[in-house]
Amino acid sequence: MTEYKSGSRLERVLRSGRFAVTAELNPPDSADPQKVYEAALVLSEVCDGINATDASGAHCHMSSVAICALLTRAGYEPVFQVSCRDRNRIAIQGDLLGAAAMGVKNVLCLTGDDVTAGDQPQAKRVFDFDSIQLLRTAKIMRDEGMFLSGRKLTEPPRLFLGAASNPFVQPYDWRPLRLAKKIEAGADFIQSQYCFDVPRLQTFMQRVRDMGLHEKLFFLVGVGPLRSEKTAEFMRSKVPGVHIPDEIVERLRKTPKEKKLEEGKKICVEIIQQVREIEGVSGVHVMAYRQEELVAEIIQEAGLLPRPMQVGFDGGQEKARLRTKRER
């Protein structure tokens, strides 16, 4: 019998051997919960988990924990992203307990982009933890039932713990070693940075298999559509950790203006189909900034429908719709 760390839908899909799909919900610059529900409704129909980003790129938006609260109220499956940039260990441990109390079962542990990457570079950095220390802390709380101080918890949080990985930037040889450290610290799954370089991913995954790491956690490859070559140029020059090969940029440059969006989506679908064939890849994580409506099209065209929840694996989709309706 499979032993679940959290019993989340995402964990059950992955442990069943099905190819998982997660996606990012781009947080609104708004106090209106309806913005969250509208985006979630699109994503929930094709995803096994919805990431609530935590001020990614050091830009302020609605908080990750608030988005998770809204998603769990509506019956959706959130992935709570926690960045070490803005909180100390006291706040982080409290947030993990609070999120678990709201029904959050998936947590992605991140160090976080530096404040200089955002639009408020004068903000003070915290970085009391890095992502590996955060993973260890969450694992201690879950498995040993106590805070870092040693004080016992009356009810430990049941969490499926995730981390990030970036196989696409130097130093390449160090990336699998960093992954091994995150597994040792407690990572159950990984969501990678955007993949636009499949050969580089194949080389990385070969090393992962050689080290036996693919048997110790689930690896979800980050993918996403590009609107145009201008978007690609911006991302690879301004977004930390993003690598986009010249041939991808050139392909978009040669595409007629009215067909660039469709070509960007096509590139994403092709990448999904290629990474799905790589041994050790357990799923994809779709990041479509301000383009949630494209996620369903991408997942469908990549041949990843129906999702397990749509064929009775987890049920509850209609209930989620009704709950969302009531929130309106």
C-alpha atoms as a PDB file:
ATOM      1  CA  MET A   1       0.000   0.000   0.000  1.00  0.00           C
ATOM      2  CA  THR A   2       1.382   3.421  -0.972  1.00  0.00           C
ATOM      3  CA  GLU A   3       2.317   5.630   1.970  1.00  0.00           C
ATOM      4  CA  TYR A   4       1.319   9.215   1.283  1.00  0.00           C
ATOM      5  CA  LYS A   5       3.070  12.194   2.813  1.00  0.00           C
ATOM      6  CA  SER A   6       0.038  14.439   2.360  1.00  0.00           C
ATOM      7  CA  GLY A   7      -2.612  12.599   0.356  1.00  0.00           C
ATOM      8  CA  SER A   8      -2.875  15.564  -2.016  1.00  0.00           C
ATOM      9  CA  ARG A   9      -4.268  15.038  -5.492  1.00  0.00           C
ATOM     10  CA  LEU A  10      -0.899  15.964  -6.974  1.00  0.00           C
ATOM     11  CA  GLU A  11       0.901  13.397  -4.828  1.00  0.00           C
ATOM     12  CA  ARG A  12      -1.588  10.674  -5.677  1.00  0.00           C
ATOM     13  CA  VAL A  13      -1.334  11.362  -9.410  1.00  0.00           C
ATOM     14  CA  LEU A  14       2.446  11.210  -9.275  1.00  0.00           C
ATOM     15  CA  ARG A  15       2.645   8.104  -7.090  1.00  0.00           C
ATOM     16  CA  SER A  16       0.165   6.341  -9.384  1.00  0.00           C
ATOM     17  CA  GLY A  17       2.637   6.750 -12.265  1.00  0.00           C
ATOM     18  CA  ARG A  18       0.462   9.148 -14.242  1.00  0.00           C
ATOM     19  CA  PHE A  19       2.111  12.069 -16.043  1.00  0.00           C
ATOM     20  CA  ALA A  20       1.291  15.101 -13.896  1.00  0.00           C
ATOM     21  CA  VAL A  21       0.443  18.652 -14.946  1.00  0.00           C
ATOM     22  CA  THR A  22       0.755  21.711 -12.738  1.00  0.00           C
ATOM     23  CA  ALA A  23       0.492  25.372 -13.704  1.00  0.00           C
ATOM     24  CA  GLU A  24       1.108  28.797 -12.217  1.00  0.00           C
ATOM     25  CA  LEU A  25      -1.712  31.122 -11.322  1.00  0.00           C
ATOM     26  CA  ASN A  26      -0.438  34.603 -11.984  1.00  0.00           C
ATOM     27  CA  PRO A  27      -1.343  36.596  -8.854  1.00  0.00           C
ATOM     28  CA  PRO A  28      -3.445  39.719  -9.343  1.00  0.00           C
ATOM     29  CA  ASP A  29      -2.479  43.236  -8.390  1.00  0.00           C
ATOM     30  CA  SER A  30      -5.895  43.491  -6.823  1.00  0.00           C
ATOM     31  CA  ALA A  31      -7.865  42.790  -3.651  1.00  0.00           C
ATOM     32  CA  ASP A  32     -10.671  41.240  -5.714  1.00  0.00           C
ATOM     33  CA  PRO A  33     -10.903  37.455  -5.087  1.00  0.00           C
ATOM     34  CA  GLN A  34     -12.831  37.019  -8.316  1.00  0.00           C
ATOM     35  CA  LYS A  35      -9.604  37.537 -10.280  1.00  0.00           C
ATOM     36  CA  VAL A  36      -8.170  34.467  -8.567  1.00  0.00           C
ATOM     37  CA  TYR A  37     -11.292  32.363  -9.137  1.00  0.00           C
ATOM     38  CA  GLU A  38     -11.460  33.231 -12.827  1.00  0.00           C
ATOM     39  CA  ALA A  39      -7.870  32.148 -13.404  1.00  0.00           C
ATOM     40  CA  ALA A  40      -8.248  29.044 -11.238  1.00  0.00           C
ATOM     41  CA  LEU A  41     -11.348  27.855 -13.092  1.00  0.00           C
ATOM     42  CA  VAL A  42      -9.402  27.780 -16.363  1.00  0.00           C
ATOM     43  CA  LEU A  43      -6.427  25.964 -14.842  1.00  0.00           C
ATOM     44  CA  SER A  44      -8.254  23.463 -12.633  1.00  0.00           C
ATOM     45  CA  GLU A  45      -9.840  21.685 -15.579  1.00  0.00           C
ATOM     46  CA  VAL A  46      -6.460  20.632 -16.998  1.00  0.00           C
ATOM     47  CA  CYS A  47      -4.093  20.617 -13.985  1.00  0.00           C
ATOM     48  CA  ASP A  48      -3.393  18.428 -10.974  1.00  0.00           C
ATOM     49  CA  GLY A  49      -2.118  21.374  -8.940  1.00  0.00           C
ATOM     50  CA  ILE A  50      -2.174  25.180  -9.142  1.00  0.00           C
ATOM     51  CA  ASN A  51       0.905  27.092  -7.987  1.00  0.00           C
ATOM     52  CA  ALA A  52       0.287  30.261  -6.020  1.00  0.00           C
ATOM     53  CA  THR A  53       3.455  32.259  -6.685  1.00  0.00           C
ATOM     54  CA  ASP A  54       5.165  34.178  -3.892  1.00  0.00           C
ATOM     55  CA  ALA A  55       6.244  37.595  -5.193  1.00  0.00           C
ATOM     56  CA  SER A  56       8.241  35.961  -7.983  1.00  0.00           C
ATOM     57  CA  GLY A  57      10.875  38.155  -9.570  1.00  0.00           C
ATOM     58  CA  ALA A  58      10.737  40.225  -6.352  1.00  0.00           C
ATOM     59  CA  HIS A  59       7.563  41.947  -7.596  1.00  0.00           C
ATOM     60  CA  CYS A  60       4.719  42.460  -5.141  1.00  0.00           C
ATOM     61  CA  HIS A  61       1.301  40.903  -5.911  1.00  0.00           C
ATOM     62  CA  MET A  62      -1.471  39.269  -3.872  1.00  0.00           C
ATOM     63  CA  SER A  63       0.258  36.961  -1.407  1.00  0.00           C
ATOM     64  CA  SER A  64       0.705  33.263  -1.989  1.00  0.00           C
ATOM     65  CA  VAL A  65      -0.910  32.297   1.304  1.00  0.00           C
ATOM     66  CA  ALA A  66      -3.979  34.427   0.530  1.00  0.00           C
ATOM     67  CA  ILE A  67      -4.368  32.868  -2.912  1.00  0.00           C
ATOM     68  CA  CYS A  68      -4.079  29.419  -1.332  1.00  0.00           C
ATOM     69  CA  ALA A  69      -6.802  30.362   1.155  1.00  0.00           C
ATOM     70  CA  LEU A  70      -9.112  31.356  -1.704  1.00  0.00           C
ATOM     71  CA  LEU A  71      -8.286  28.226  -3.713  1.00  0.00           C
ATOM     72  CA  THR A  72      -8.893  25.810  -0.846  1.00  0.00           C
ATOM     73  CA  ARG A  73     -12.195  27.531  -0.018  1.00  0.00           C
ATOM     74  CA  ALA A  74     -13.274  26.866  -3.599  1.00  0.00           C
ATOM     75  CA  GLY A  75     -12.138  23.232  -3.561  1.00  0.00           C
ATOM     76  CA  TYR A  76      -9.055  23.596  -5.742  1.00  0.00           C
ATOM     77  CA  GLU A  77      -5.617  21.993  -5.289  1.00  0.00           C
ATOM     78  CA  PRO A  78      -3.017  24.692  -4.553  1.00  0.00           C
ATOM     79  CA  VAL A  79       0.766  24.487  -4.421  1.00  0.00           C
ATOM     80  CA  PHE A  80       1.885  26.993  -1.795  1.00  0.00           C
ATOM     81  CA  GLN A  81       5.113  28.693  -2.896  1.00  0.00           C
ATOM     82  CA  VAL A  82       7.255  29.928  -0.011  1.00  0.00           C
ATOM     83  CA  SER A  83      10.189  32.260  -0.626  1.00  0.00           C
ATOM     84  CA  CYS A  84      12.931  32.829   1.949  1.00  0.00           C
ATOM     85  CA  ARG A  85      13.608  36.361   0.740  1.00  0.00           C
ATOM     86  CA  ASP A  86      10.882  38.094   2.733  1.00  0.00           C
ATOM     87  CA  ARG A  87      10.411  36.084   5.975  1.00  0.00           C
ATOM     88  CA  ASN A  88      12.467  34.800   8.854  1.00  0.00           C
ATOM     89  CA  ARG A  89      12.166  31.276  10.275  1.00  0.00           C
ATOM     90  CA  ILE A  90       9.496  32.262  12.792  1.00  0.00           C
ATOM     91  CA  ALA A  91       7.174  33.638  10.119  1.00  0.00           C
ATOM     92  CA  ILE A  92       7.849  30.753   7.733  1.00  0.00           C
ATOM     93  CA  GLN A  93       7.041  28.053  10.287  1.00  0.00           C
ATOM     94  CA  GLY A  94       3.844  29.890  11.195  1.00  0.00           C
ATOM     95  CA  ASP A  95       2.861  30.157   7.530  1.00  0.00           C
ATOM     96  CA  LEU A  96       3.419  26.432   6.993  1.00  0.00           C
ATOM     97  CA  LEU A  97       1.127  25.594   9.918  1.00  0.00           C
ATOM     98  CA  GLY A  98      -1.473  28.108   8.812  1.00  0.00           C
ATOM     99  CA  ALA A  99      -1.453  26.863   5.233  1.00  0.00           C
ATOM    100  CA  ALA A 100      -1.842  23.248   6.379  1.00  0.00           C
ATOM    101  CA  ALA A 101      -4.744  24.296   8.618  1.00  0.00           C
ATOM    102  CA  MET A 102      -6.491  25.766   5.540  1.00  0.00           C
ATOM    103  CA  GLY A 103      -6.140  22.480   3.666  1.00  0.00           C
ATOM    104  CA  VAL A 104      -2.964  23.205   1.696  1.00  0.00           C
ATOM    105  CA  LYS A 105      -1.048  19.965   1.140  1.00  0.00           C
ATOM    106  CA  ASN A 106       1.625  20.923  -1.418  1.00  0.00           C
ATOM    107  CA  VAL A 107       4.493  23.335  -0.676  1.00  0.00           C
ATOM    108  CA  LEU A 108       7.221  24.564  -3.033  1.00  0.00           C
ATOM    109  CA  CYS A 109      10.285  25.733  -1.109  1.00  0.00           C
ATOM    110  CA  LEU A 110      12.260  28.530  -2.778  1.00  0.00           C
ATOM    111  CA  THR A 111      15.177  30.737  -1.841  1.00  0.00           C
ATOM    112  CA  GLY A 112      13.654  33.572  -3.882  1.00  0.00           C
ATOM    113  CA  ASP A 113      14.945  36.137  -6.359  1.00  0.00           C
ATOM    114  CA  ASP A 114      16.968  38.983  -4.901  1.00  0.00           C
ATOM    115  CA  VAL A 115      15.195  42.314  -4.381  1.00  0.00           C
ATOM    116  CA  THR A 116      17.356  43.885  -7.097  1.00  0.00           C
ATOM    117  CA  ALA A 117      15.374  41.841  -9.653  1.00  0.00           C
ATOM    118  CA  GLY A 118      12.142  43.641  -8.758  1.00  0.00           C
ATOM    119  CA  ASP A 119      10.672  47.110  -8.849  1.00  0.00           C
ATOM    120  CA  GLN A 120      11.367  47.892  -5.156  1.00  0.00           C
ATOM    121  CA  PRO A 121      15.134  47.281  -4.893  1.00  0.00           C
ATOM    122  CA  GLN A 122      15.302  49.328  -1.695  1.00  0.00           C
ATOM    123  CA  ALA A 123      13.435  46.553   0.163  1.00  0.00           C
ATOM    124  CA  LYS A 124      15.360  44.767   2.917  1.00  0.00           C
ATOM    125  CA  ARG A 125      16.393  41.163   2.259  1.00  0.00           C
ATOM    126  CA  VAL A 126      15.757  38.531   4.929  1.00  0.00           C
ATOM    127  CA  PHE A 127      17.178  35.220   3.657  1.00  0.00           C
ATOM    128  CA  ASP A 128      17.201  33.726   7.155  1.00  0.00           C
ATOM    129  CA  PHE A 129      16.952  30.400   5.282  1.00  0.00           C
ATOM    130  CA  ASP A 130      17.783  29.176   1.826  1.00  0.00           C
ATOM    131  CA  SER A 131      15.598  26.638   0.048  1.00  0.00           C
ATOM    132  CA  ILE A 132      17.458  23.623   1.459  1.00  0.00           C
ATOM    133  CA  GLN A 133      17.134  24.861   5.035  1.00  0.00           C
ATOM    134  CA  LEU A 134      13.463  25.559   4.395  1.00  0.00           C
ATOM    135  CA  LEU A 135      12.958  22.012   3.097  1.00  0.00           C
ATOM    136  CA  ARG A 136      14.637  20.573   6.199  1.00  0.00           C
ATOM    137  CA  THR A 137      12.474  22.714   8.456  1.00  0.00           C
ATOM    138  CA  ALA A 138       9.229  21.649   6.751  1.00  0.00           C
ATOM    139  CA  LYS A 139      10.341  18.005   6.892  1.00  0.00           C
ATOM    140  CA  ILE A 140      11.107  18.269  10.615  1.00  0.00           C
ATOM    141  CA  MET A 141       7.693  19.799  11.244  1.00  0.00           C
ATOM    142  CA  ARG A 142       5.975  17.086   9.214  1.00  0.00           C
ATOM    143  CA  ASP A 143       7.953  13.988  10.198  1.00  0.00           C
ATOM    144  CA  GLU A 144       9.122  14.821  13.726  1.00  0.00           C
ATOM    145  CA  GLY A 145       6.156  16.952  14.760  1.00  0.00           C
ATOM    146  CA  MET A 146       8.107  19.871  16.192  1.00  0.00           C
ATOM    147  CA  PHE A 147       9.370  23.389  15.529  1.00  0.00           C
ATOM    148  CA  LEU A 148      13.073  24.062  15.000  1.00  0.00           C
ATOM    149  CA  SER A 149      13.234  25.101  18.641  1.00  0.00           C
ATOM    150  CA  GLY A 150      12.317  21.558  19.645  1.00  0.00           C
ATOM    151  CA  ARG A 151       8.871  22.555  20.879  1.00  0.00           C
ATOM    152  CA  LYS A 152       6.332  19.868  20.020  1.00  0.00           C
ATOM    153  CA  LEU A 153       3.415  20.384  17.660  1.00  0.00           C
ATOM    154  CA  THR A 154       0.032  19.079  18.783  1.00  0.00           C
ATOM    155  CA  GLU A 155      -0.795  18.286  15.134  1.00  0.00           C
ATOM    156  CA  PRO A 156       1.968  18.131  12.477  1.00  0.00           C
ATOM    157  CA  PRO A 157       1.265  19.485   8.991  1.00  0.00           C
ATOM    158  CA  ARG A 158       0.857  16.833   6.285  1.00  0.00           C
ATOM    159  CA  LEU A 159       2.809  18.260   3.370  1.00  0.00           C
ATOM    160  CA  PHE A 160       4.060  17.105  -0.040  1.00  0.00           C
ATOM    161  CA  LEU A 161       7.326  19.036  -0.294  1.00  0.00           C
ATOM    162  CA  GLY A 162       8.679  20.488  -3.512  1.00  0.00           C
ATOM    163  CA  ALA A 163      11.707  22.461  -4.638  1.00  0.00           C
ATOM    164  CA  ALA A 164      12.993  24.142  -7.782  1.00  0.00           C
ATOM    165  CA  SER A 165      15.811  23.127 -10.104  1.00  0.00           C
ATOM    166  CA  ASN A 166      17.472  24.821 -13.049  1.00  0.00           C
ATOM    167  CA  PRO A 167      19.378  22.434 -15.360  1.00  0.00           C
ATOM    168  CA  PHE A 168      19.781  25.116 -18.030  1.00  0.00           C
ATOM    169  CA  VAL A 169      22.418  27.448 -16.598  1.00  0.00           C
ATOM    170  CA  GLN A 170      26.022  27.028 -15.528  1.00  0.00           C
ATOM    171  CA  PRO A 171      27.599  25.312 -13.696  1.00  0.00           C
ATOM    172  CA  TYR A 172      25.959  22.283 -15.346  1.00  0.00           C
ATOM    173  CA  ASP A 173      27.936  19.663 -13.406  1.00  0.00           C
ATOM    174  CA  TRP A 174      26.814  21.168 -10.106  1.00  0.00           C
ATOM    175  CA  ARG A 175      23.064  21.025 -10.827  1.00  0.00           C
ATOM    176  CA  PRO A 176      22.529  17.290 -10.165  1.00  0.00           C
ATOM    177  CA  LEU A 177      24.571  17.592  -6.955  1.00  0.00           C
ATOM    178  CA  ARG A 178      22.352  20.457  -5.804  1.00  0.00           C
ATOM    179  CA  LEU A 179      19.320  18.332  -6.633  1.00  0.00           C
ATOM    180  CA  ALA A 180      20.697  15.498  -4.487  1.00  0.00           C
ATOM    181  CA  LYS A 181      21.041  17.914  -1.549  1.00  0.00           C
ATOM    182  CA  LYS A 182      17.413  18.976  -1.925  1.00  0.00           C
ATOM    183  CA  ILE A 183      16.288  15.354  -1.931  1.00  0.00           C
ATOM    184  CA  GLU A 184      18.295  14.707   1.239  1.00  0.00           C
ATOM    185  CA  ALA A 185      16.706  17.790   2.805  1.00  0.00           C
ATOM    186  CA  GLY A 186      13.206  16.490   2.123  1.00  0.00           C
ATOM    187  CA  ALA A 187      12.104  17.292  -1.443  1.00  0.00           C
ATOM    188  CA  ASP A 188       9.400  14.933  -2.745  1.00  0.00           C
ATOM    189  CA  PHE A 189       9.019  16.669  -6.110  1.00  0.00           C
ATOM    190  CA  ILE A 190      10.784  19.215  -8.295  1.00  0.00           C
ATOM    191  CA  GLN A 191       9.462  21.899 -10.617  1.00  0.00           C
ATOM    192  CA  SER A 192      12.167  23.126 -12.988  1.00  0.00           C
ATOM    193  CA  GLN A 193      12.871  26.485 -14.589  1.00  0.00           C
ATOM    194  CA  TYR A 194      11.564  26.995 -18.151  1.00  0.00           C
ATOM    195  CA  CYS A 195      12.850  24.358 -20.569  1.00  0.00           C
ATOM    196  CA  PHE A 196      13.575  25.604 -24.085  1.00  0.00           C
ATOM    197  CA  ASP A 197      16.707  23.500 -24.519  1.00  0.00           C
ATOM    198  CA  VAL A 198      15.660  19.823 -24.604  1.00  0.00           C
ATOM    199  CA  PRO A 199      19.169  18.457 -25.362  1.00  0.00           C
ATOM    200  CA  ARG A 200      20.493  20.192 -22.242  1.00  0.00           C
ATOM    201  CA  LEU A 201      17.639  18.635 -20.222  1.00  0.00           C
ATOM    202  CA  GLN A 202      18.428  15.199 -21.650  1.00  0.00           C
ATOM    203  CA  THR A 203      22.059  15.520 -20.545  1.00  0.00           C
ATOM    204  CA  PHE A 204      20.966  16.607 -17.075  1.00  0.00           C
ATOM    205  CA  MET A 205      18.451  13.778 -16.730  1.00  0.00           C
ATOM    206  CA  GLN A 206      21.065  11.225 -17.804  1.00  0.00           C
ATOM    207  CA  ARG A 207      23.206  12.349 -14.881  1.00  0.00           C
ATOM    208  CA  VAL A 208      20.149  12.288 -12.600  1.00  0.00           C
ATOM    209  CA  ARG A 209      19.496   8.670 -13.619  1.00  0.00           C
ATOM    210  CA  ASP A 210      23.161   7.740 -13.203  1.00  0.00           C
ATOM    211  CA  MET A 211      22.941   8.999  -9.611  1.00  0.00           C
ATOM    212  CA  GLY A 212      19.628   7.199  -9.026  1.00  0.00           C
ATOM    213  CA  LEU A 213      17.906  10.460  -8.124  1.00  0.00           C
ATOM    214  CA  HIS A 214      14.926   9.816 -10.425  1.00  0.00           C
ATOM    215  CA  GLU A 215      13.895   6.994  -8.084  1.00  0.00           C
ATOM    216  CA  LYS A 216      13.824   9.295  -5.061  1.00  0.00           C
ATOM    217  CA  LEU A 217      11.550  12.118  -6.219  1.00  0.00           C
ATOM    218  CA  PHE A 218       9.234  13.287  -9.020  1.00  0.00           C
ATOM    219  CA  PHE A 219      10.639  15.699 -11.609  1.00  0.00           C
ATOM    220  CA  LEU A 220       8.262  18.136 -13.356  1.00  0.00           C
ATOM    221  CA  VAL A 221       9.757  20.116 -16.238  1.00  0.00           C
ATOM    222  CA  GLY A 222       8.881  23.805 -16.533  1.00  0.00           C
ATOM    223  CA  VAL A 223       7.421  24.833 -19.897  1.00  0.00           C
ATOM    224  CA  GLY A 224       5.632  27.865 -21.283  1.00  0.00           C
ATOM    225  CA  PRO A 225       4.516  29.655 -24.465  1.00  0.00           C
ATOM    226  CA  LEU A 226       6.367  32.626 -25.948  1.00  0.00           C
ATOM    227  CA  ARG A 227       4.365  35.469 -27.479  1.00  0.00           C
ATOM    228  CA  SER A 228       7.122  36.586 -29.870  1.00  0.00           C
ATOM    229  CA  GLU A 229      10.854  36.858 -30.329  1.00  0.00           C
ATOM    230  CA  LYS A 230      10.712  40.115 -28.336  1.00  0.00           C
ATOM    231  CA  THR A 231       9.251  38.216 -25.389  1.00  0.00           C
ATOM    232  CA  ALA A 232      11.967  35.597 -25.745  1.00  0.00           C
ATOM    233  CA  GLU A 233      14.698  38.242 -25.837  1.00  0.00           C
ATOM    234  CA  PHE A 234      13.265  39.953 -22.763  1.00  0.00           C
ATOM    235  CA  MET A 235      12.992  36.718 -20.790  1.00  0.00           C
ATOM    236  CA  ARG A 236      16.487  35.498 -21.495  1.00  0.00           C
ATOM    237  CA  SER A 237      18.049  38.854 -20.712  1.00  0.00           C
ATOM    238  CA  LYS A 238      15.887  40.071 -17.818  1.00  0.00           C
ATOM    239  CA  VAL A 239      14.389  37.022 -16.064  1.00  0.00           C
ATOM    240  CA  PRO A 240      16.899  35.358 -13.733  1.00  0.00           C
ATOM    241  CA  GLY A 241      17.839  31.805 -14.721  1.00  0.00           C
ATOM    242  CA  VAL A 242      16.010  31.630 -18.063  1.00  0.00           C
ATOM    243  CA  HIS A 243      17.944  30.203 -21.025  1.00  0.00           C
ATOM    244  CA  ILE A 244      16.407  30.361 -24.512  1.00  0.00           C
ATOM    245  CA  PRO A 245      18.558  29.082 -27.412  1.00  0.00           C
ATOM    246  CA  ASP A 246      19.097  31.314 -30.442  1.00  0.00           C
ATOM    247  CA  GLU A 247      17.256  28.875 -32.717  1.00  0.00           C
ATOM    248  CA  ILE A 248      14.033  29.349 -30.739  1.00  0.00           C
ATOM    249  CA  VAL A 249      14.306  33.131 -30.997  1.00  0.00           C
ATOM    250  CA  GLU A 250      15.103  32.921 -34.707  1.00  0.00           C
ATOM    251  CA  ARG A 251      12.153  30.614 -35.341  1.00  0.00           C
ATOM    252  CA  LEU A 252       9.806  33.173 -33.820  1.00  0.00           C
ATOM    253  CA  ARG A 253      11.511  36.022 -35.681  1.00  0.00           C
ATOM    254  CA  LYS A 254      10.847  34.312 -39.016  1.00  0.00           C
ATOM    255  CA  THR A 255       7.187  33.714 -38.179  1.00  0.00           C
ATOM    256  CA  PRO A 256       4.663  36.248 -39.591  1.00  0.00           C
ATOM    257  CA  LYS A 257       3.385  38.673 -36.967  1.00  0.00           C
ATOM    258  CA  GLU A 258      -0.170  37.333 -36.995  1.00  0.00           C
ATOM    259  CA  LYS A 259       1.080  33.789 -36.376  1.00  0.00           C
ATOM    260  CA  LYS A 260       3.695  34.411 -33.669  1.00  0.00           C
ATOM    261  CA  LEU A 261       1.377  33.586 -30.741  1.00  0.00           C
ATOM    262  CA  GLU A 262       0.331  30.311 -32.362  1.00  0.00           C
ATOM    263  CA  GLU A 263       3.959  29.458 -33.140  1.00  0.00           C
ATOM    264  CA  GLY A 264       4.973  30.120 -29.542  1.00  0.00           C
ATOM    265  CA  LYS A 265       2.248  27.772 -28.360  1.00  0.00           C
ATOM    266  CA  LYS A 266       3.347  25.176 -30.926  1.00  0.00           C
ATOM    267  CA  ILE A 267       6.936  25.317 -29.639  1.00  0.00           C
ATOM    268  CA  CYS A 268       5.652  24.711 -26.114  1.00  0.00           C
ATOM    269  CA  VAL A 269       3.585  21.704 -27.223  1.00  0.00           C
ATOM    270  CA  GLU A 270       6.573  20.236 -29.077  1.00  0.00           C
ATOM    271  CA  ILE A 271       8.759  20.581 -25.983  1.00  0.00           C
ATOM    272  CA  ILE A 272       6.144  18.863 -23.798  1.00  0.00           C
ATOM    273  CA  GLN A 273       5.929  15.961 -26.216  1.00  0.00           C
ATOM    274  CA  GLN A 274       9.723  15.619 -26.248  1.00  0.00           C
ATOM    275  CA  VAL A 275      10.279  15.814 -22.488  1.00  0.00           C
ATOM    276  CA  ARG A 276       7.470  13.332 -21.879  1.00  0.00           C
ATOM    277  CA  GLU A 277       9.665  10.682 -23.519  1.00  0.00           C
ATOM    278  CA  ILE A 278      12.652  11.315 -21.209  1.00  0.00           C
ATOM    279  CA  GLU A 279      13.064   8.669 -18.521  1.00  0.00           C
ATOM    280  CA  GLY A 280      12.744  10.188 -15.078  1.00  0.00           C
ATOM    281  CA  VAL A 281      10.415  13.032 -16.087  1.00  0.00           C
ATOM    282  CA  SER A 282       7.153  12.713 -14.168  1.00  0.00           C
ATOM    283  CA  GLY A 283       5.230  15.699 -15.490  1.00  0.00           C
ATOM    284  CA  VAL A 284       5.269  19.296 -16.660  1.00  0.00           C
ATOM    285  CA  HIS A 285       4.811  22.614 -14.897  1.00  0.00           C
ATOM    286  CA  VAL A 286       3.208  25.175 -17.223  1.00  0.00           C
ATOM    287  CA  MET A 287       4.092  28.834 -16.723  1.00  0.00           C
ATOM    288  CA  ALA A 288       2.032  31.072 -19.004  1.00  0.00           C
ATOM    289  CA  TYR A 289       2.378  34.609 -17.646  1.00  0.00           C
ATOM    290  CA  ARG A 290      -0.950  36.439 -18.035  1.00  0.00           C
ATOM    291  CA  GLN A 291      -1.972  33.757 -20.556  1.00  0.00           C
ATOM    292  CA  GLU A 292      -3.898  31.249 -18.434  1.00  0.00           C
ATOM    293  CA  GLU A 293      -6.372  30.786 -21.273  1.00  0.00           C
ATOM    294  CA  LEU A 294      -3.598  29.163 -23.344  1.00  0.00           C
ATOM    295  CA  VAL A 295      -2.806  26.501 -20.752  1.00  0.00           C
ATOM    296  CA  ALA A 296      -5.846  24.387 -21.570  1.00  0.00           C
ATOM    297  CA  GLU A 297      -5.070  24.569 -25.295  1.00  0.00           C
ATOM    298  CA  ILE A 298      -1.446  23.592 -24.708  1.00  0.00           C
ATOM    299  CA  ILE A 299      -2.344  20.628 -22.495  1.00  0.00           C
ATOM    300  CA  GLN A 300      -4.960  19.422 -24.952  1.00  0.00           C
ATOM    301  CA  GLU A 301      -2.734  19.763 -28.015  1.00  0.00           C
ATOM    302  CA  ALA A 302       0.098  18.002 -26.175  1.00  0.00           C
ATOM    303  CA  GLY A 303      -2.179  14.986 -25.714  1.00  0.00           C
ATOM    304  CA  LEU A 304      -2.351  15.198 -21.917  1.00  0.00           C
ATOM    305  CA  LEU A 305      -6.143  15.119 -21.594  1.00  0.00           C
ATOM    306  CA  PRO A 306      -8.226  13.856 -19.922  1.00  0.00           C
ATOM    307  CA  ARG A 307      -6.606  14.451 -16.551  1.00  0.00           C
ATOM    308  CA  PRO A 308      -7.096  11.821 -13.811  1.00  0.00           C
ATOM    309  CA  MET A 309      -9.524  14.051 -11.899  1.00  0.00           C
ATOM    310  CA  GLN A 310     -11.735  14.189 -14.982  1.00  0.00           C
ATOM    311  CA  VAL A 311     -12.140  10.420 -15.073  1.00  0.00           C
ATOM    312  CA  GLY A 312     -13.012   9.910 -11.443  1.00  0.00           C
ATOM    313  CA  PHE A 313      -9.480   9.700 -10.000  1.00  0.00           C
ATOM    314  CA  ASP A 314     -10.214  12.339  -7.439  1.00  0.00           C
ATOM    315  CA  GLY A 315     -13.646  13.669  -8.298  1.00  0.00           C
ATOM    316  CA  GLY A 316     -14.902  16.926  -6.873  1.00  0.00           C
ATOM    317  CA  GLN A 317     -14.704  19.015 -10.049  1.00  0.00           C
ATOM    318  CA  GLU A 318     -18.392  19.832 -10.099  1.00  0.00           C
ATOM    319  CA  LYS A 319     -18.293  20.574  -6.377  1.00  0.00           C
ATOM    320  CA  ALA A 320     -15.418  22.962  -6.976  1.00  0.00           C
ATOM    321  CA  ARG A 321     -17.443  24.753  -9.627  1.00  0.00           C
ATOM    322  CA  LEU A 322     -20.377  25.126  -7.265  1.00  0.00           C
ATOM    323  CA  ARG A 323     -18.180  26.433  -4.488  1.00  0.00           C
ATOM    324  CA  THR A 324     -16.633  28.949  -6.824  1.00  0.00           C
ATOM    325  CA  LYS A 325     -20.078  30.062  -7.881  1.00  0.00           C
ATOM    326  CA  ARG A 326     -21.069  30.632  -4.278  1.00  0.00           C
ATOM    327  CA  GLU A 327     -17.968  32.752  -3.685  1.00  0.00           C
ATOM    328  CA  ARG A 328     -19.125  35.088  -6.421  1.00  0.00           C
END
